[in-house]
Structures are given as structure tokens and as C-alpha cells.
């Protein structure tokens, strides 16, 4: 059996993960189906505990992946979006590690995409800077998606993707992507309220307004980055807010065009893990191509006496998830080529 010393020698780096904080300075409530309690104020205390935990790690995490829904959509109605975001960012600022932000539906309930791009939630400055894989030839393009990649250690790459690139949230009504997204919803969802999945069966339930998808241009960009990683024999982890494998979440929580992005991933040999949030109950599956799909449990529905964050230890042949509270420990072994 390997000793702790042996494990430390083999360790390449670590990083932290957390999802669906959804902070708001308001009383506790429930989810839309009134089945799960939501602890809006306490989510900040749980984030504080997570930051303290990461800072006390024997090996300082290289970075933190915040998987989206950093504040709750109710802040928009409370006219407190800016303040709530600053409160959470102030808590993150106490962390010794840089934070990479994903965007979820609740970011888009509070801010449009133009505001998000100008905010601290745009962490592209932490990404690749050599210009090899720019997301847009015209950076001022209002239709641009939010995505970038970075390499924290030789032979490892992380890609932040935009699972609301296709969405009616945050897009201008006159934009092509808004029109395309509305067409998708109207095709599959006949409800007056697009947040309702009433009358939809199985995976059709994913066609709701609080989900989204990946544009063709983003999929082509992702394919180029993965091709580069193939050539350089890198192990790749991809992050998004919305899960992309039906077995890693409930039928209502998967991306609209999950099959298309899975097809891109499966065309490459280097993808080892896909990290997501969105489904507060969490989920996991290992797909037929050896990719681990890990959906993190949400902070917002975590009781005050528990936790919901993790640290992932990255080795040459595996990643080890050390979870706190609702997050399970897991060993994610890389597929053998």
C-alpha cells in the first residue's frame, strides 16, 4: 500500500471545486418543486468554510473552479445583484488560489452578457494568452461565447465552456442566438411558461428556459483546442455549468444539444473529466469513452451543519476527489489509450 509520502511525491497539483452558491441576503426558501430547502444567507458561511479549508490544505490548490450560479436570481427582484455579487467576491478574495468562474442561469437572471464580460466573473485573464485559440476573431462581437482554456501544469489542460451560449437568458432579443434559442424552445416545449416541463417526456424535459446549449462556433473552437491537446498528449478537464451526459444528472438538467458536444469530446483521446453544477443533487457517470462526468452538489441546498466543496488531487494516471460534506470522495482513473 502506498504511503502518504509516496502519494505526495506522485502528486502533480490540486484544485478546488464548488458549485451553485446562490447567495442572497434573504430568508430561507424552497426550490421550484418545494422539495428541497434553500439556505440563501448560510451559503455565504459555507463558502467561507470552503475558502478556509482550501487555505489550510497542505498543498495550496493551483486554482478554484467555481461552476456557476454564484448568486441567486432573486437578487434581481431584490435590486441587490451588484451588492450580493460583491459580498461573495469579497469572500473569494480571501482565498490563496485564483478563481475561474463559469456562468450559470442565475448569473444571467441578474446580469446580461455584456455586463458579465465587464465584471469580475469574466476570468478569461487567467486563461491562455498566446492567441492560438481566440474565441472570436472580433472580440467586440455581441454574439461571442464565454470560453477559454489554461494549463496549470505540463501535460494538463482545463477548458471553461459556455453552456448558455445558446439561451434566451442574457442575450439581446434582436440577436441571432436569442432567436435561434427561442426557436428551439418553441419546437419542443409547448408550455406558455418555458421554465415548465409539463407534458414533456424523458429527455425532452431538458428543453426549458433555465437550460441552454453550445453554439456551432463554440463546438468548433472546442474541437480545435482538443486537437491541440491530442497532439501534445495532454489530459483535459472541461468545465461548464450544465451537465452534458444524461446519466450524470436528472432528465431536466442536461444541456439542450448534449449529444453534439459529447460527439466532439468522443472524437478525441484526451478528455478525462467533465465537471458541472446546476443539478443541486449532484451526479456521476463514467461514459463508454472513459470520460468521468461529475456533477457537484449545490451549496444552496446544503444544510448549515454540512458542507459542499471539494479538493481534487491530480496525478499522472488519476484524479482523486476529496469531498467535504455532501461531496463524495472518488477516484477518477484516466482511460488507457
Protein backbone atom coordinates (compact mmCIF):
# COMPACT_ATOMS: atom_id res chain seq x y z
CA UNK A 1 0.00 0.00 0.00
CA UNK A 2 1.35 3.43 -0.93
CA UNK A 3 2.31 5.68 1.95
CA UNK A 4 1.31 9.32 2.30
CA UNK A 5 4.91 10.22 1.39
CA UNK A 6 4.69 8.18 -1.82
CA UNK A 7 1.40 9.85 -2.74
CA UNK A 8 2.85 13.31 -2.16
CA UNK A 9 5.80 12.53 -4.44
CA UNK A 10 3.46 11.48 -7.22
CA UNK A 11 1.10 14.43 -6.80
CA UNK A 12 1.24 16.98 -9.63
CA UNK A 13 -1.13 19.63 -8.30
CA UNK A 14 -4.51 20.16 -6.66
CA UNK A 15 -7.51 22.39 -7.37
CA UNK A 16 -10.74 23.26 -5.57
CA UNK A 17 -14.31 22.85 -6.81
CA UNK A 18 -17.60 24.40 -5.70
CA UNK A 19 -21.00 24.89 -7.38
CA UNK A 20 -24.31 26.71 -7.02
CA UNK A 21 -23.60 29.00 -4.08
CA UNK A 22 -26.63 31.16 -4.99
CA UNK A 23 -26.13 33.64 -2.17
CA UNK A 24 -28.83 36.17 -1.33
CA UNK A 25 -29.46 38.23 1.79
CA UNK A 26 -32.96 36.84 2.25
CA UNK A 27 -34.78 34.25 4.33
CA UNK A 28 -34.57 30.55 3.58
CA UNK A 29 -36.91 29.21 0.92
CA UNK A 30 -37.51 26.17 -1.27
CA UNK A 31 -36.76 25.05 -4.80
CA UNK A 32 -39.43 25.33 -7.50
CA UNK A 33 -40.98 21.97 -6.59
CA UNK A 34 -40.89 22.73 -2.84
CA UNK A 35 -38.93 19.55 -2.20
CA UNK A 36 -35.58 20.99 -1.12
CA UNK A 37 -34.79 23.73 1.37
CA UNK A 38 -32.62 26.59 0.16
CA UNK A 39 -30.33 28.36 2.61
CA UNK A 40 -29.66 31.71 0.97
CA UNK A 41 -27.74 33.51 3.72
CA UNK A 42 -25.99 30.41 5.00
CA UNK A 43 -24.49 29.73 1.57
CA UNK A 44 -22.04 32.54 2.32
CA UNK A 45 -20.96 30.81 5.53
CA UNK A 46 -20.44 27.57 3.62
CA UNK A 47 -18.31 29.42 1.06
CA UNK A 48 -16.29 30.91 3.92
CA UNK A 49 -15.72 27.39 5.29
CA UNK A 50 -14.65 26.21 1.84
CA UNK A 51 -12.13 29.05 1.46
CA UNK A 52 -10.77 28.29 4.93
CA UNK A 53 -10.48 24.60 4.02
CA UNK A 54 -8.60 25.31 0.78
CA UNK A 55 -6.27 27.78 2.51
CA UNK A 56 -5.42 25.18 5.15
CA UNK A 57 -4.57 22.45 2.63
CA UNK A 58 -1.03 21.09 2.95
CA UNK A 59 -0.62 21.74 -0.78
CA UNK A 60 -2.14 25.05 -1.85
CA UNK A 61 -4.62 24.50 -4.70
CA UNK A 62 -3.36 25.88 -8.01
CA UNK A 63 -6.83 27.32 -8.64
CA UNK A 64 -10.52 27.07 -7.74
CA UNK A 65 -13.25 26.18 -10.24
CA UNK A 66 -16.49 28.00 -9.41
CA UNK A 67 -19.02 26.11 -11.52
CA UNK A 68 -21.70 28.78 -11.81
CA UNK A 69 -24.76 30.27 -10.06
CA UNK A 70 -22.63 32.30 -7.69
CA UNK A 71 -25.62 34.41 -6.53
CA UNK A 72 -29.33 33.65 -6.69
CA UNK A 73 -31.72 35.07 -9.27
CA UNK A 74 -33.91 36.53 -6.53
CA UNK A 75 -31.30 39.27 -6.10
CA UNK A 76 -32.61 40.78 -9.31
CA UNK A 77 -36.06 41.24 -7.76
CA UNK A 78 -34.48 42.47 -4.52
CA UNK A 79 -32.46 45.06 -6.50
CA UNK A 80 -29.36 43.71 -4.82
CA UNK A 81 -27.48 41.95 -7.64
CA UNK A 82 -24.36 44.11 -7.55
CA UNK A 83 -24.12 44.09 -3.77
CA UNK A 84 -24.71 40.33 -3.46
CA UNK A 85 -22.06 39.62 -6.07
CA UNK A 86 -19.55 41.86 -4.30
CA UNK A 87 -20.24 40.13 -0.97
CA UNK A 88 -19.44 36.74 -2.50
CA UNK A 89 -16.41 38.01 -4.41
CA UNK A 90 -15.09 39.54 -1.19
CA UNK A 91 -15.28 36.10 0.39
CA UNK A 92 -13.47 34.53 -2.57
CA UNK A 93 -10.78 37.23 -2.31
CA UNK A 94 -9.68 35.65 0.97
CA UNK A 95 -8.69 32.51 -0.93
CA UNK A 96 -5.00 31.94 -1.58
CA UNK A 97 -5.80 30.48 -5.01
CA UNK A 98 -7.10 32.23 -8.16
CA UNK A 99 -10.74 31.53 -9.06
CA UNK A 100 -12.00 30.54 -12.51
CA UNK A 101 -15.67 31.40 -12.96
CA UNK A 102 -18.29 29.55 -15.00
CA UNK A 103 -21.59 31.24 -15.84
CA UNK A 104 -24.92 29.66 -14.94
CA UNK A 105 -28.55 30.63 -15.39
CA UNK A 106 -28.58 32.64 -12.16
CA UNK A 107 -25.75 34.89 -13.35
CA UNK A 108 -27.92 35.60 -16.38
CA UNK A 109 -31.01 36.32 -14.24
CA UNK A 110 -29.00 39.09 -12.61
CA UNK A 111 -26.83 40.45 -15.43
CA UNK A 112 -26.81 40.48 -19.21
CA UNK A 113 -23.79 39.07 -21.01
CA UNK A 114 -22.26 42.47 -21.75
CA UNK A 115 -22.20 43.27 -18.04
CA UNK A 116 -20.79 39.85 -17.17
CA UNK A 117 -17.95 40.31 -19.66
CA UNK A 118 -17.01 43.55 -17.88
CA UNK A 119 -17.34 42.05 -14.41
CA UNK A 120 -15.04 40.07 -12.13
CA UNK A 121 -16.94 36.95 -13.26
CA UNK A 122 -15.04 37.17 -16.54
CA UNK A 123 -11.90 35.26 -15.56
CA UNK A 124 -10.51 34.92 -19.09
CA UNK A 125 -7.47 36.90 -17.95
CA UNK A 126 -6.41 33.71 -16.13
CA UNK A 127 -6.52 31.70 -19.35
CA UNK A 128 -4.36 31.09 -22.38
CA UNK A 129 -2.67 34.29 -23.57
CA UNK A 130 -0.74 33.19 -26.66
CA UNK A 131 -3.62 34.00 -29.02
CA UNK A 132 -3.68 30.50 -30.53
CA UNK A 133 -7.32 29.81 -29.85
CA UNK A 134 -9.17 33.10 -29.61
CA UNK A 135 -12.90 32.54 -29.16
CA UNK A 136 -13.79 35.23 -31.65
CA UNK A 137 -11.95 36.97 -34.49
CA UNK A 138 -13.83 40.10 -33.40
CA UNK A 139 -13.72 40.42 -29.58
CA UNK A 140 -16.46 43.07 -29.66
CA UNK A 141 -18.92 40.66 -31.24
CA UNK A 142 -22.06 40.71 -29.06
CA UNK A 143 -22.76 37.11 -30.07
CA UNK A 144 -19.46 35.89 -28.63
CA UNK A 145 -19.41 32.95 -26.25
CA UNK A 146 -17.53 32.93 -22.95
CA UNK A 147 -14.82 30.32 -23.10
CA UNK A 148 -11.10 29.89 -22.57
CA UNK A 149 -8.52 27.33 -21.56
CA UNK A 150 -5.39 27.13 -19.42
CA UNK A 151 -2.62 24.74 -18.48
CA UNK A 152 -1.77 24.77 -14.75
CA UNK A 153 0.85 22.03 -15.10
CA UNK A 154 2.67 20.40 -18.03
CA UNK A 155 0.51 17.86 -19.90
CA UNK A 156 -2.74 19.04 -18.27
CA UNK A 157 -5.29 21.45 -19.73
CA UNK A 158 -8.59 22.83 -18.43
CA UNK A 159 -11.29 24.32 -20.65
CA UNK A 160 -14.01 26.65 -19.38
CA UNK A 161 -17.06 26.42 -21.65
CA UNK A 162 -20.30 28.36 -22.05
CA UNK A 163 -23.39 26.16 -21.63
CA UNK A 164 -25.68 29.21 -22.10
CA UNK A 165 -24.11 30.25 -25.39
CA UNK A 166 -27.46 29.18 -26.86
CA UNK A 167 -30.05 30.59 -24.48
CA UNK A 168 -32.80 33.16 -24.20
CA UNK A 169 -31.11 34.33 -20.98
CA UNK A 170 -28.71 37.25 -21.17
CA UNK A 171 -28.97 37.64 -24.95
CA UNK A 172 -30.46 40.69 -26.64
CA UNK A 173 -33.86 39.94 -28.13
CA UNK A 174 -32.68 41.10 -31.54
CA UNK A 175 -29.66 38.79 -31.57
CA UNK A 176 -29.44 35.71 -33.77
CA UNK A 177 -28.61 33.43 -30.86
CA UNK A 178 -31.69 34.61 -28.96
CA UNK A 179 -33.87 33.95 -32.00
CA UNK A 180 -32.28 30.52 -32.54
CA UNK A 181 -32.76 29.64 -28.87
CA UNK A 182 -36.38 30.74 -28.88
CA UNK A 183 -36.97 28.58 -31.94
CA UNK A 184 -35.51 25.55 -30.13
CA UNK A 185 -37.75 26.10 -27.11
CA UNK A 186 -40.89 26.64 -29.19
CA UNK A 187 -40.17 23.49 -31.19
CA UNK A 188 -40.01 21.19 -28.18
CA UNK A 189 -41.82 23.00 -25.35
CA UNK A 190 -45.46 23.94 -25.92
CA UNK A 191 -45.97 25.45 -22.48
CA UNK A 192 -46.69 29.14 -22.12
CA UNK A 193 -44.02 29.20 -19.42
CA UNK A 194 -40.78 27.87 -20.91
CA UNK A 195 -39.49 27.09 -17.43
CA UNK A 196 -42.18 24.41 -17.18
CA UNK A 197 -41.55 20.89 -18.48
CA UNK A 198 -45.19 19.85 -18.13
CA UNK A 199 -46.20 17.50 -20.93
CA UNK A 200 -42.59 16.70 -21.85
CA UNK A 201 -41.30 13.16 -21.53
CA UNK A 202 -37.87 11.80 -20.66
CA UNK A 203 -35.01 13.84 -22.04
CA UNK A 204 -37.46 16.22 -23.73
CA UNK A 205 -37.67 17.83 -20.29
CA UNK A 206 -34.31 19.46 -20.92
CA UNK A 207 -35.93 21.96 -23.29
CA UNK A 208 -36.66 24.56 -20.65
CA UNK A 209 -35.52 28.16 -20.37
CA UNK A 210 -33.24 27.58 -17.40
CA UNK A 211 -31.09 25.28 -19.55
CA UNK A 212 -29.04 26.16 -22.59
CA UNK A 213 -26.67 24.81 -25.18
CA UNK A 214 -23.45 25.20 -27.15
CA UNK A 215 -23.29 27.02 -30.49
CA UNK A 216 -21.64 25.50 -33.53
CA UNK A 217 -18.84 28.08 -33.36
CA UNK A 218 -18.10 27.12 -29.77
CA UNK A 219 -18.06 23.42 -30.66
CA UNK A 220 -15.63 24.13 -33.50
CA UNK A 221 -13.39 26.12 -31.14
CA UNK A 222 -13.55 23.31 -28.58
CA UNK A 223 -12.59 20.81 -31.26
CA UNK A 224 -9.53 22.91 -32.18
CA UNK A 225 -8.38 23.12 -28.57
CA UNK A 226 -8.85 19.36 -28.09
CA UNK A 227 -6.93 18.66 -31.30
CA UNK A 228 -4.05 20.75 -29.94
CA UNK A 229 -4.19 18.79 -26.68
CA UNK A 230 -4.23 15.48 -28.57
CA UNK A 231 -1.06 16.46 -30.40
CA UNK A 232 0.61 17.50 -27.15
CA UNK A 233 -0.61 14.43 -25.22
CA UNK A 234 -2.41 16.48 -22.59
CA UNK A 235 -5.07 15.26 -20.17
CA UNK A 236 -8.07 17.57 -20.47
CA UNK A 237 -10.77 18.50 -17.96
CA UNK A 238 -13.74 20.54 -19.21
CA UNK A 239 -15.95 22.70 -17.01
CA UNK A 240 -19.45 24.07 -17.60
CA UNK A 241 -22.48 24.90 -15.51
CA UNK A 242 -24.89 22.50 -17.23
CA UNK A 243 -24.06 18.75 -17.35
CA UNK A 244 -23.77 17.13 -20.78
CA UNK A 245 -24.35 13.46 -20.01
CA UNK A 246 -27.90 12.30 -19.17
CA UNK A 247 -26.62 9.76 -16.67
CA UNK A 248 -24.78 12.43 -14.65
CA UNK A 249 -27.93 14.42 -13.85
CA UNK A 250 -31.72 14.28 -13.99
CA UNK A 251 -33.57 14.36 -17.31
CA UNK A 252 -34.38 18.06 -16.87
CA UNK A 253 -30.84 19.14 -16.09
CA UNK A 254 -28.86 18.26 -19.21
CA UNK A 255 -27.75 20.66 -21.98
CA UNK A 256 -30.07 21.08 -24.98
CA UNK A 257 -27.57 19.73 -27.52
CA UNK A 258 -25.67 17.40 -25.21
CA UNK A 259 -25.27 14.79 -27.96
CA UNK A 260 -23.40 17.26 -30.17
CA UNK A 261 -20.83 18.22 -27.56
CA UNK A 262 -20.41 14.59 -26.49
CA UNK A 263 -19.67 13.76 -30.12
CA UNK A 264 -16.88 16.37 -30.14
CA UNK A 265 -15.39 15.03 -26.90
CA UNK A 266 -15.60 11.41 -28.06
CA UNK A 267 -13.69 12.24 -31.24
CA UNK A 268 -10.61 12.86 -29.11
CA UNK A 269 -8.49 10.67 -26.88
CA UNK A 270 -7.51 13.19 -24.25
CA UNK A 271 -10.65 14.19 -22.32
CA UNK A 272 -10.64 12.66 -18.85
CA UNK A 273 -13.32 14.61 -16.97
CA UNK A 274 -16.30 16.92 -17.40
CA UNK A 275 -17.20 18.99 -14.32
CA UNK A 276 -20.59 20.67 -13.92
CA UNK A 277 -23.08 22.05 -11.41
CA UNK A 278 -26.75 23.03 -11.99
CA UNK A 279 -28.28 19.85 -10.54
CA UNK A 280 -28.13 20.53 -6.80
CA UNK A 281 -28.40 16.82 -6.01
CA UNK A 282 -25.20 16.10 -7.92
CA UNK A 283 -24.46 13.10 -10.08
CA UNK A 284 -21.76 10.97 -11.66
CA UNK A 285 -21.20 8.58 -14.53
CA UNK A 286 -18.30 7.10 -16.46
CA UNK A 287 -19.24 7.10 -20.12
CA UNK A 288 -18.32 4.49 -22.74
CA UNK A 289 -15.33 6.55 -23.90
CA UNK A 290 -13.75 6.67 -20.45
CA UNK A 291 -14.79 10.24 -19.58
CA UNK A 292 -15.80 10.93 -15.98
CA UNK A 293 -18.86 13.19 -15.76
CA UNK A 294 -19.01 14.69 -12.28
CA UNK A 295 -21.87 16.98 -11.26
CA UNK A 296 -21.22 18.80 -7.99
CA UNK A 297 -23.89 19.06 -5.30
CA UNK A 298 -25.09 22.63 -4.81
CA UNK A 299 -24.11 24.78 -1.82
CA UNK A 300 -27.53 26.47 -1.81
CA UNK A 301 -29.39 23.32 -0.74
CA UNK A 302 -26.76 22.19 1.76
CA UNK A 303 -27.87 22.34 5.43
CA UNK A 304 -25.89 24.67 7.73
CA UNK A 305 -24.30 21.76 9.60
CA UNK A 306 -22.82 20.26 6.41
CA UNK A 307 -20.53 21.32 3.55
CA UNK A 308 -20.45 21.16 -0.26
CA UNK A 309 -16.99 21.67 -1.73
CA UNK A 310 -14.03 19.57 -2.66
CA UNK A 311 -10.35 19.45 -3.48
CA UNK A 312 -9.16 17.37 -6.43
CA UNK A 313 -5.69 15.85 -6.34
CA UNK A 314 -4.21 15.38 -9.80
CA UNK A 315 -1.75 12.59 -10.58
CA UNK A 316 -0.29 11.25 -13.82
CA UNK A 317 -2.87 8.45 -14.03
CA UNK A 318 -5.85 9.60 -11.97
CA UNK A 319 -7.60 12.38 -10.10
CA UNK A 320 -8.72 11.87 -6.52
CA UNK A 321 -11.73 13.84 -5.31
CA UNK A 322 -11.63 14.61 -1.60
CA UNK A 323 -15.10 15.90 -0.85
CA UNK A 324 -16.46 17.72 2.16
CA UNK A 325 -19.99 17.17 3.39
CA UNK A 326 -22.31 16.28 0.51
CA UNK A 327 -19.45 15.88 -1.99
CA UNK A 328 -18.37 12.24 -2.19
CA UNK A 329 -14.77 11.03 -2.34
CA UNK A 330 -13.98 9.48 -5.72
CA UNK A 331 -11.07 8.10 -7.70
CA UNK A 332 -11.22 9.14 -11.36
CA UNK A 333 -8.77 6.99 -13.31
CA UNK A 334 -7.75 8.09 -16.78
CA UNK A 335 -8.63 5.84 -19.69
CA UNK A 336 -5.84 3.79 -21.18
CA UNK A 337 -5.08 4.66 -24.80
